Amino acid sequence: MIVNNSGSMSGMYLTKLLFKKPVIVHDYPKGIKAFYVRLNDDMKNIATMYVLVPKVGELIGKSQREERYEVIEKRYKERYEVIEKRISETGLPLEPYEWYPDLRRYGIVKHCGFGLGFERMILFAIGIDNTQDDIPFPRCPEKADL
């Protein structure tokens, strides 16, 4: 079940219908996430985790970055044709994206990160239905007077 988008149908199914409470989903199949997310030792899943909550979807997302050069190089090459096609469709040059595997070539520390959606947290905490009602500083096109 893919649950990587806020408000996705499968995320809503898990939190509103199946469990009726917040759910933690971890170890996604490697094919549905980016090549730079760390591959688990089973070589099928990746080191990632999401906290899904009712009415909101994804509240927290976390993933560990791949630090093993041989793994990142293999996964990068597997996906390079797809990446190359997507980049060329946008009209961007390929060269600026070839540096990524080089970061791991001579070693890198294990690292990961997470993100918590502030507006989504407020939405979940106070129980309102629309995130547009909880944004402290609404974003309006062409209204950012800097």
C-alpha atoms as a PDB file:
ATOM      1  CA  MET A   1       0.000   0.000   0.000  1.00  0.00           C
ATOM      2  CA  ILE A   2       1.481   3.359  -0.991  1.00  0.00           C
ATOM      3  CA  VAL A   3       1.025   6.040   1.652  1.00  0.00           C
ATOM      4  CA  ASN A   4       3.598   8.653   0.760  1.00  0.00           C
ATOM      5  CA  ASN A   5       1.293  11.566  -0.036  1.00  0.00           C
ATOM      6  CA  SER A   6      -0.589  13.711   2.425  1.00  0.00           C
ATOM      7  CA  GLY A   7      -4.230  12.768   2.272  1.00  0.00           C
ATOM      8  CA  SER A   8      -3.626   9.758   0.020  1.00  0.00           C
ATOM      9  CA  MET A   9      -6.444   7.258  -0.214  1.00  0.00           C
ATOM     10  CA  SER A  10      -4.417   4.416   1.301  1.00  0.00           C
ATOM     11  CA  GLY A  11      -3.230   6.656   4.152  1.00  0.00           C
ATOM     12  CA  MET A  12      -6.800   7.672   4.867  1.00  0.00           C
ATOM     13  CA  TYR A  13      -7.891   4.021   4.710  1.00  0.00           C
ATOM     14  CA  LEU A  14      -5.293   3.050   7.303  1.00  0.00           C
ATOM     15  CA  THR A  15      -6.021   5.889   9.726  1.00  0.00           C
ATOM     16  CA  LYS A  16      -9.762   6.495   9.352  1.00  0.00           C
ATOM     17  CA  LEU A  17     -11.200   3.097   8.503  1.00  0.00           C
ATOM     18  CA  LEU A  18      -8.829   0.285   9.444  1.00  0.00           C
ATOM     19  CA  PHE A  19      -7.126   1.436  12.669  1.00  0.00           C
ATOM     20  CA  LYS A  20      -9.118   4.621  13.486  1.00  0.00           C
ATOM     21  CA  LYS A  21      -6.021   6.215  15.046  1.00  0.00           C
ATOM     22  CA  PRO A  22      -2.521   7.402  14.073  1.00  0.00           C
ATOM     23  CA  VAL A  23      -0.369   4.807  12.315  1.00  0.00           C
ATOM     24  CA  ILE A  24       3.384   4.467  11.782  1.00  0.00           C
ATOM     25  CA  VAL A  25       4.401   2.938   8.452  1.00  0.00           C
ATOM     26  CA  HIS A  26       8.039   1.952   7.920  1.00  0.00           C
ATOM     27  CA  ASP A  27      10.353   0.051   5.570  1.00  0.00           C
ATOM     28  CA  TYR A  28       8.786   0.902   2.219  1.00  0.00           C
ATOM     29  CA  PRO A  29       9.528  -1.208  -0.875  1.00  0.00           C
ATOM     30  CA  LYS A  30      12.609   0.239  -2.587  1.00  0.00           C
ATOM     31  CA  GLY A  31      10.839   0.802  -5.903  1.00  0.00           C
ATOM     32  CA  ILE A  32       8.545   3.574  -4.677  1.00  0.00           C
ATOM     33  CA  LYS A  33      11.142   5.899  -3.172  1.00  0.00           C
ATOM     34  CA  ALA A  34      14.213   7.773  -4.380  1.00  0.00           C
ATOM     35  CA  PHE A  35      17.515   5.990  -5.077  1.00  0.00           C
ATOM     36  CA  TYR A  36      19.343   7.887  -2.308  1.00  0.00           C
ATOM     37  CA  VAL A  37      17.253   6.430   0.553  1.00  0.00           C
ATOM     38  CA  ARG A  38      19.207   3.716   2.422  1.00  0.00           C
ATOM     39  CA  LEU A  39      18.476   0.177   1.326  1.00  0.00           C
ATOM     40  CA  ASN A  40      17.823  -2.189   4.257  1.00  0.00           C
ATOM     41  CA  ASP A  41      19.871  -5.368   4.687  1.00  0.00           C
ATOM     42  CA  ASP A  42      17.065  -7.416   3.088  1.00  0.00           C
ATOM     43  CA  MET A  43      17.789  -5.484  -0.161  1.00  0.00           C
ATOM     44  CA  LYS A  44      14.039  -5.131  -0.759  1.00  0.00           C
ATOM     45  CA  ASN A  45      12.957  -2.319   1.533  1.00  0.00           C
ATOM     46  CA  ILE A  46      14.338   1.085   2.442  1.00  0.00           C
ATOM     47  CA  ALA A  47      14.964   2.855   5.764  1.00  0.00           C
ATOM     48  CA  THR A  48      12.003   5.197   5.892  1.00  0.00           C
ATOM     49  CA  MET A  49       9.104   5.889   8.228  1.00  0.00           C
ATOM     50  CA  TYR A  50       5.931   7.969   8.162  1.00  0.00           C
ATOM     51  CA  VAL A  51       3.447   8.917  10.868  1.00  0.00           C
ATOM     52  CA  LEU A  52      -0.044   9.078   9.375  1.00  0.00           C
ATOM     53  CA  VAL A  53      -2.962  10.590  11.250  1.00  0.00           C
ATOM     54  CA  PRO A  54      -6.722  10.638  10.589  1.00  0.00           C
ATOM     55  CA  LYS A  55      -8.069  13.522   8.453  1.00  0.00           C
ATOM     56  CA  VAL A  56      -4.528  14.793   7.766  1.00  0.00           C
ATOM     57  CA  GLY A  57      -2.502  11.986   6.200  1.00  0.00           C
ATOM     58  CA  GLU A  58       1.268  12.282   6.527  1.00  0.00           C
ATOM     59  CA  LEU A  59       2.249  14.229   9.636  1.00  0.00           C
ATOM     60  CA  ILE A  60       5.911  13.202   9.951  1.00  0.00           C
ATOM     61  CA  GLY A  61       8.208  11.732   7.304  1.00  0.00           C
ATOM     62  CA  LYS A  62      11.708  10.364   7.902  1.00  0.00           C
ATOM     63  CA  SER A  63      14.337   8.554   5.853  1.00  0.00           C
ATOM     64  CA  GLN A  64      17.954   7.551   6.203  1.00  0.00           C
ATOM     65  CA  ARG A  65      20.317   8.408   3.364  1.00  0.00           C
ATOM     66  CA  GLU A  66      22.395   5.707   1.709  1.00  0.00           C
ATOM     67  CA  GLU A  67      26.035   5.974   2.785  1.00  0.00           C
ATOM     68  CA  ARG A  68      27.415   2.850   1.039  1.00  0.00           C
ATOM     69  CA  TYR A  69      28.943   3.898  -2.272  1.00  0.00           C
ATOM     70  CA  GLU A  70      28.525   0.546  -4.020  1.00  0.00           C
ATOM     71  CA  VAL A  71      24.812   0.484  -3.211  1.00  0.00           C
ATOM     72  CA  ILE A  72      24.164   4.085  -4.232  1.00  0.00           C
ATOM     73  CA  GLU A  73      26.104   3.587  -7.469  1.00  0.00           C
ATOM     74  CA  LYS A  74      24.121   0.442  -8.381  1.00  0.00           C
ATOM     75  CA  ARG A  75      20.732   1.981  -7.537  1.00  0.00           C
ATOM     76  CA  TYR A  76      21.665   5.222  -9.317  1.00  0.00           C
ATOM     77  CA  LYS A  77      22.571   3.310 -12.477  1.00  0.00           C
ATOM     78  CA  GLU A  78      19.335   1.283 -12.265  1.00  0.00           C
ATOM     79  CA  ARG A  79      17.313   4.474 -12.202  1.00  0.00           C
ATOM     80  CA  TYR A  80      19.585   6.646 -14.328  1.00  0.00           C
ATOM     81  CA  GLU A  81      17.687   5.993 -17.547  1.00  0.00           C
ATOM     82  CA  VAL A  82      14.429   7.082 -15.918  1.00  0.00           C
ATOM     83  CA  ILE A  83      16.102  10.078 -14.281  1.00  0.00           C
ATOM     84  CA  GLU A  84      17.850  10.999 -17.540  1.00  0.00           C
ATOM     85  CA  LYS A  85      14.546  10.867 -19.420  1.00  0.00           C
ATOM     86  CA  ARG A  86      12.728  12.966 -16.805  1.00  0.00           C
ATOM     87  CA  ILE A  87      15.490  15.575 -16.729  1.00  0.00           C
ATOM     88  CA  SER A  88      15.681  15.792 -20.520  1.00  0.00           C
ATOM     89  CA  GLU A  89      11.889  16.222 -20.719  1.00  0.00           C
ATOM     90  CA  THR A  90      12.267  19.372 -18.627  1.00  0.00           C
ATOM     91  CA  GLY A  91      15.032  20.702 -20.880  1.00  0.00           C
ATOM     92  CA  LEU A  92      17.626  20.791 -18.090  1.00  0.00           C
ATOM     93  CA  PRO A  93      21.225  19.629 -18.640  1.00  0.00           C
ATOM     94  CA  LEU A  94      22.221  16.213 -17.191  1.00  0.00           C
ATOM     95  CA  GLU A  95      25.695  17.166 -15.963  1.00  0.00           C
ATOM     96  CA  PRO A  96      24.582  19.049 -12.830  1.00  0.00           C
ATOM     97  CA  TYR A  97      22.983  15.830 -11.478  1.00  0.00           C
ATOM     98  CA  GLU A  98      25.945  13.470 -11.967  1.00  0.00           C
ATOM     99  CA  TRP A  99      27.724  14.617  -8.780  1.00  0.00           C
ATOM    100  CA  TYR A 100      25.483  12.752  -6.349  1.00  0.00           C
ATOM    101  CA  PRO A 101      27.289   9.366  -6.303  1.00  0.00           C
ATOM    102  CA  ASP A 102      30.635  11.176  -5.925  1.00  0.00           C
ATOM    103  CA  LEU A 103      29.569  12.380  -2.481  1.00  0.00           C
ATOM    104  CA  ARG A 104      29.677   8.761  -1.287  1.00  0.00           C
ATOM    105  CA  ARG A 105      32.745   7.563  -3.188  1.00  0.00           C
ATOM    106  CA  TYR A 106      35.240   8.340  -0.402  1.00  0.00           C
ATOM    107  CA  GLY A 107      32.941   7.663   2.528  1.00  0.00           C
ATOM    108  CA  ILE A 108      30.262   9.548   4.364  1.00  0.00           C
ATOM    109  CA  VAL A 109      28.745   9.328   7.832  1.00  0.00           C
ATOM    110  CA  LYS A 110      25.392   7.677   8.378  1.00  0.00           C
ATOM    111  CA  HIS A 111      22.732  10.350   8.462  1.00  0.00           C
ATOM    112  CA  CYS A 112      19.005  10.841   8.174  1.00  0.00           C
ATOM    113  CA  GLY A 113      16.397  13.484   8.653  1.00  0.00           C
ATOM    114  CA  PHE A 114      12.731  14.036   9.231  1.00  0.00           C
ATOM    115  CA  GLY A 115      10.108  16.618   8.550  1.00  0.00           C
ATOM    116  CA  LEU A 116       7.050  17.595  10.542  1.00  0.00           C
ATOM    117  CA  GLY A 117       4.367  19.579   8.763  1.00  0.00           C
ATOM    118  CA  PHE A 118       3.560  22.486  11.110  1.00  0.00           C
ATOM    119  CA  GLU A 119       0.195  23.285   9.527  1.00  0.00           C
ATOM    120  CA  ARG A 120      -0.694  19.583   9.510  1.00  0.00           C
ATOM    121  CA  MET A 121       0.208  19.306  13.205  1.00  0.00           C
ATOM    122  CA  ILE A 122      -2.087  22.239  14.025  1.00  0.00           C
ATOM    123  CA  LEU A 123      -4.821  20.691  11.868  1.00  0.00           C
ATOM    124  CA  PHE A 124      -4.507  17.391  13.755  1.00  0.00           C
ATOM    125  CA  ALA A 125      -4.215  19.012  17.216  1.00  0.00           C
ATOM    126  CA  ILE A 126      -7.255  21.278  16.979  1.00  0.00           C
ATOM    127  CA  GLY A 127      -9.346  18.998  14.777  1.00  0.00           C
ATOM    128  CA  ILE A 128     -10.344  21.352  11.974  1.00  0.00           C
ATOM    129  CA  ASP A 129     -11.104  19.988   8.522  1.00  0.00           C
ATOM    130  CA  ASN A 130      -9.159  22.238   6.163  1.00  0.00           C
ATOM    131  CA  THR A 131      -5.502  23.212   6.364  1.00  0.00           C
ATOM    132  CA  GLN A 132      -6.316  26.569   4.769  1.00  0.00           C
ATOM    133  CA  ASP A 133      -7.990  27.495   8.059  1.00  0.00           C
ATOM    134  CA  ASP A 134      -4.888  26.887  10.186  1.00  0.00           C
ATOM    135  CA  ILE A 135      -2.106  28.552   8.197  1.00  0.00           C
ATOM    136  CA  PRO A 136      -0.710  31.427  10.295  1.00  0.00           C
ATOM    137  CA  PHE A 137       0.672  33.257   7.257  1.00  0.00           C
ATOM    138  CA  PRO A 138      -1.453  32.418   4.191  1.00  0.00           C
ATOM    139  CA  ARG A 139       0.400  32.214   0.904  1.00  0.00           C
ATOM    140  CA  CYS A 140      -1.219  34.230  -1.840  1.00  0.00           C
ATOM    141  CA  PRO A 141       0.183  34.441  -5.382  1.00  0.00           C
ATOM    142  CA  GLU A 142       1.728  37.824  -6.189  1.00  0.00           C
ATOM    143  CA  LYS A 143       1.043  39.153  -2.655  1.00  0.00           C
ATOM    144  CA  ALA A 144       4.490  38.735  -1.089  1.00  0.00           C
ATOM    145  CA  ASP A 145       5.589  42.323  -0.600  1.00  0.00           C
ATOM    146  CA  LEU A 146       9.255  42.021   0.317  1.00  0.00           C
END
